[in-house]
Amino acid sequence: MSGRITKITIICLIVVGLGISFKPILKHTTLSCAADVNKETEVAPIAPESPQETIPAPPSDKYDFSDSSHWNLTVSAWEQLAQKDYEGVFAYANKCLELYESKAKEMALGMRSFSRSGHEDDFALVNDVATSHYIMGEAYMKLGRSADATKEFKYVIEAYPYAQCWDPKGWFWKVAEISGKNIEKINKSNPRPTPEIPQ
């Protein structure tokens, strides 16, 4: 048996040395020779990293999280934004991201277009998570934190390009599209200084 193993080892060394891809299937032995380690493997798409939150968390008993559905958390964040309670905005939006963003990222990676009319709720999880980021961007804009707002809007565009948000007036709007328009507003209101030309 030792003589057989020695022969197999020598053959493997010769084959690898010649650069030949070889993977013999041997019965009654666990030895195998494989020089195909450079075989290409398919790389799965990687979701962008979510912006780091910089707003301190409010006391746990200040806001009601008894209904922690992604829909209710997003609606609650909208309500706090309308009331200019920015602490509440971040409390509800971040709770939505904490509970649902991981799954939403997975779903978003498989989306190749916007949902057909009437099927928008098939991706309600993606829509609500993207909208939570959008709402935080809006809150940052109102707080004068343009850089943080831009991060949120850019993240929506990169991670959730096909997310849509229901408007109570009766239609869905594209979250990434409006995020892009908000970035344009920020850039216009904070123009970069024109560099001086040396004389």
Protein backbone atom coordinates (compact mmCIF):
# COMPACT_ATOMS: atom_id res chain seq x y z
CA MET A 1 0.00 0.00 0.00
CA SER A 2 2.86 2.41 0.86
CA GLY A 3 4.41 1.76 -2.55
CA ARG A 4 1.11 2.68 -4.26
CA ILE A 5 0.83 5.91 -2.30
CA THR A 6 4.41 6.83 -3.17
CA LYS A 7 3.70 6.34 -6.89
CA ILE A 8 0.52 8.45 -6.69
CA THR A 9 2.43 11.20 -4.86
CA ILE A 10 5.17 11.25 -7.53
CA ILE A 11 2.58 11.38 -10.35
CA CYS A 12 0.77 14.29 -8.65
CA LEU A 13 4.01 16.23 -8.23
CA ILE A 14 4.87 15.74 -11.91
CA VAL A 15 1.39 16.78 -13.07
CA VAL A 16 1.35 19.90 -10.88
CA GLY A 17 4.88 20.78 -12.02
CA LEU A 18 3.75 20.65 -15.66
CA GLY A 19 0.78 22.93 -14.86
CA ILE A 20 -1.79 20.33 -15.96
CA SER A 21 -5.25 20.45 -14.38
CA PHE A 22 -5.71 16.93 -13.01
CA LYS A 23 -8.08 15.54 -10.43
CA PRO A 24 -7.97 11.70 -10.35
CA ILE A 25 -10.78 9.86 -8.66
CA LEU A 26 -9.28 6.99 -6.69
CA LYS A 27 -11.24 4.23 -5.00
CA HIS A 28 -10.34 3.19 -1.46
CA THR A 29 -8.04 6.21 -0.89
CA THR A 30 -8.50 9.75 0.27
CA LEU A 31 -5.60 11.10 -1.79
CA SER A 32 -6.46 13.50 -4.60
CA CYS A 33 -4.39 15.75 -6.80
CA ALA A 34 -5.97 19.01 -7.91
CA ALA A 35 -4.15 21.74 -9.78
CA ASP A 36 -7.32 23.60 -10.73
CA VAL A 37 -7.26 25.94 -7.75
CA ASN A 38 -7.42 28.93 -10.08
CA LYS A 39 -10.88 27.99 -11.32
CA GLU A 40 -13.07 31.11 -11.62
CA THR A 41 -15.93 31.42 -9.20
CA GLU A 42 -18.95 33.65 -9.52
CA VAL A 43 -18.90 36.61 -7.12
CA ALA A 44 -22.23 37.64 -5.63
CA PRO A 45 -23.10 41.35 -5.73
CA ILE A 46 -22.26 43.25 -2.54
CA ALA A 47 -24.70 45.75 -1.05
CA PRO A 48 -23.34 49.19 -0.10
CA GLU A 49 -22.68 49.89 3.57
CA SER A 50 -25.38 51.83 5.39
CA PRO A 51 -24.34 55.28 6.70
CA GLN A 52 -23.35 55.33 10.36
CA GLU A 53 -25.96 56.97 12.55
CA THR A 54 -24.72 59.98 14.54
CA ILE A 55 -27.93 60.91 16.38
CA PRO A 56 -28.00 59.65 20.01
CA ALA A 57 -30.73 57.13 20.72
CA PRO A 58 -33.67 58.55 22.74
CA PRO A 59 -34.87 56.95 25.98
CA SER A 60 -36.48 53.61 25.19
CA ASP A 61 -39.79 54.58 26.84
CA LYS A 62 -40.25 57.91 25.02
CA TYR A 63 -41.71 56.45 21.80
CA ASP A 64 -44.17 53.65 21.19
CA PHE A 65 -42.68 50.61 19.44
CA SER A 66 -45.50 48.21 20.29
CA ASP A 67 -46.29 47.93 16.57
CA SER A 68 -42.86 47.26 15.11
CA SER A 69 -43.96 46.44 11.57
CA HIS A 70 -41.79 48.13 8.96
CA TRP A 71 -44.87 49.90 7.61
CA ASN A 72 -45.83 51.41 10.99
CA LEU A 73 -42.25 52.42 11.85
CA THR A 74 -41.91 54.25 8.52
CA VAL A 75 -45.27 55.99 8.88
CA SER A 76 -44.34 57.00 12.44
CA ALA A 77 -41.05 58.47 11.19
CA TRP A 78 -43.01 60.52 8.61
CA GLU A 79 -45.34 61.77 11.36
CA GLN A 80 -42.43 62.85 13.56
CA LEU A 81 -40.86 64.66 10.59
CA ALA A 82 -44.09 66.59 10.03
CA GLN A 83 -44.07 67.56 13.73
CA LYS A 84 -40.39 68.54 13.53
CA ASP A 85 -39.59 66.00 16.25
CA TYR A 86 -36.27 64.96 14.77
CA GLU A 87 -35.38 62.76 17.70
CA GLY A 88 -38.57 60.83 16.97
CA VAL A 89 -37.70 60.66 13.28
CA PHE A 90 -34.40 58.94 14.00
CA ALA A 91 -35.93 56.74 16.71
CA TYR A 92 -38.52 55.21 14.38
CA ALA A 93 -36.40 55.19 11.23
CA ASN A 94 -33.45 53.55 12.97
CA LYS A 95 -35.72 50.95 14.56
CA CYS A 96 -36.97 50.07 11.07
CA LEU A 97 -33.38 49.73 9.82
CA GLU A 98 -32.33 47.73 12.88
CA LEU A 99 -35.09 45.18 12.36
CA TYR A 100 -35.39 45.01 8.59
CA GLU A 101 -32.42 46.41 6.67
CA SER A 102 -30.50 43.13 6.45
CA LYS A 103 -33.41 41.40 4.70
CA ALA A 104 -34.19 44.47 2.58
CA LYS A 105 -30.63 44.53 1.24
CA GLU A 106 -30.94 40.90 0.14
CA MET A 107 -34.22 41.59 -1.63
CA ALA A 108 -32.91 44.76 -3.28
CA LEU A 109 -29.94 42.92 -4.78
CA GLY A 110 -32.35 40.74 -6.74
CA MET A 111 -34.39 43.64 -8.15
CA ARG A 112 -33.69 44.57 -11.77
CA SER A 113 -36.51 47.06 -12.37
CA PHE A 114 -39.40 48.84 -10.68
CA SER A 115 -42.37 46.72 -9.67
CA ARG A 116 -45.24 46.60 -12.13
CA SER A 117 -48.23 48.78 -11.33
CA GLY A 118 -50.32 47.04 -8.71
CA HIS A 119 -47.39 44.93 -7.50
CA GLU A 120 -45.44 47.60 -5.61
CA ASP A 121 -46.27 45.99 -2.26
CA ASP A 122 -44.46 42.82 -3.35
CA PHE A 123 -41.35 44.71 -2.26
CA ALA A 124 -42.90 46.65 0.63
CA LEU A 125 -39.96 45.76 2.87
CA VAL A 126 -37.45 47.30 0.45
CA ASN A 127 -39.70 50.32 -0.06
CA ASP A 128 -40.06 51.04 3.66
CA VAL A 129 -36.38 50.58 4.50
CA ALA A 130 -35.32 52.84 1.63
CA THR A 131 -37.95 55.38 2.69
CA SER A 132 -36.62 55.32 6.27
CA HIS A 133 -33.19 56.32 4.95
CA TYR A 134 -34.86 58.99 2.83
CA ILE A 135 -36.78 60.41 5.81
CA MET A 136 -33.54 60.65 7.80
CA GLY A 137 -32.01 62.52 4.87
CA GLU A 138 -34.92 64.96 4.95
CA ALA A 139 -34.46 65.42 8.71
CA TYR A 140 -30.75 66.11 8.26
CA MET A 141 -31.59 68.72 5.59
CA LYS A 142 -33.95 70.51 7.97
CA LEU A 143 -31.27 70.39 10.67
CA GLY A 144 -28.75 71.97 8.31
CA ARG A 145 -26.57 68.87 8.24
CA SER A 146 -26.02 68.76 4.50
CA ALA A 147 -23.19 66.22 4.51
CA ASP A 148 -25.21 63.69 6.52
CA ALA A 149 -28.28 64.28 4.36
CA THR A 150 -26.23 63.68 1.22
CA LYS A 151 -24.90 60.39 2.64
CA GLU A 152 -28.43 59.12 3.26
CA PHE A 153 -29.68 60.13 -0.19
CA LYS A 154 -26.64 58.64 -1.93
CA TYR A 155 -27.12 55.42 -0.01
CA VAL A 156 -30.73 55.17 -1.18
CA ILE A 157 -29.59 55.62 -4.79
CA GLU A 158 -26.86 52.99 -4.49
CA ALA A 159 -28.60 50.35 -2.35
CA TYR A 160 -32.28 50.76 -3.27
CA PRO A 161 -32.49 52.13 -6.83
CA TYR A 162 -35.93 50.56 -7.44
CA ALA A 163 -37.63 51.43 -4.15
CA GLN A 164 -40.95 53.27 -4.28
CA CYS A 165 -42.95 55.13 -1.66
CA TRP A 166 -46.74 55.44 -1.47
CA ASP A 167 -48.09 58.98 -1.48
CA PRO A 168 -51.46 59.40 0.28
CA LYS A 169 -52.55 61.45 -2.75
CA GLY A 170 -52.79 58.19 -4.65
CA TRP A 171 -49.54 57.19 -6.33
CA PHE A 172 -46.07 55.75 -5.79
CA TRP A 173 -42.98 57.91 -6.24
CA LYS A 174 -39.41 56.72 -6.87
CA VAL A 175 -37.32 57.17 -3.72
CA ALA A 176 -33.92 57.18 -5.46
CA GLU A 177 -35.09 59.72 -8.04
CA ILE A 178 -36.25 62.21 -5.41
CA SER A 179 -33.11 61.53 -3.37
CA GLY A 180 -31.08 62.62 -6.41
CA LYS A 181 -33.11 65.82 -6.71
CA ASN A 182 -32.49 66.57 -3.04
CA ILE A 183 -28.74 66.14 -3.55
CA GLU A 184 -28.98 68.68 -6.39
CA LYS A 185 -30.78 71.10 -4.04
CA ILE A 186 -28.07 70.66 -1.41
CA ASN A 187 -25.29 71.24 -3.94
CA LYS A 188 -26.99 74.39 -5.24
CA SER A 189 -27.45 75.80 -1.75
CA ASN A 190 -23.87 74.92 -0.80
CA PRO A 191 -21.83 75.69 -3.92
CA ARG A 192 -18.15 74.89 -3.86
CA PRO A 193 -15.95 77.99 -3.92
CA THR A 194 -14.35 78.69 -7.28
CA PRO A 195 -10.61 78.13 -7.03
CA GLU A 196 -8.48 81.22 -7.54
CA ILE A 197 -6.44 81.29 -10.72
CA PRO A 198 -2.80 82.21 -10.07
CA GLN A 199 -1.82 85.52 -11.70
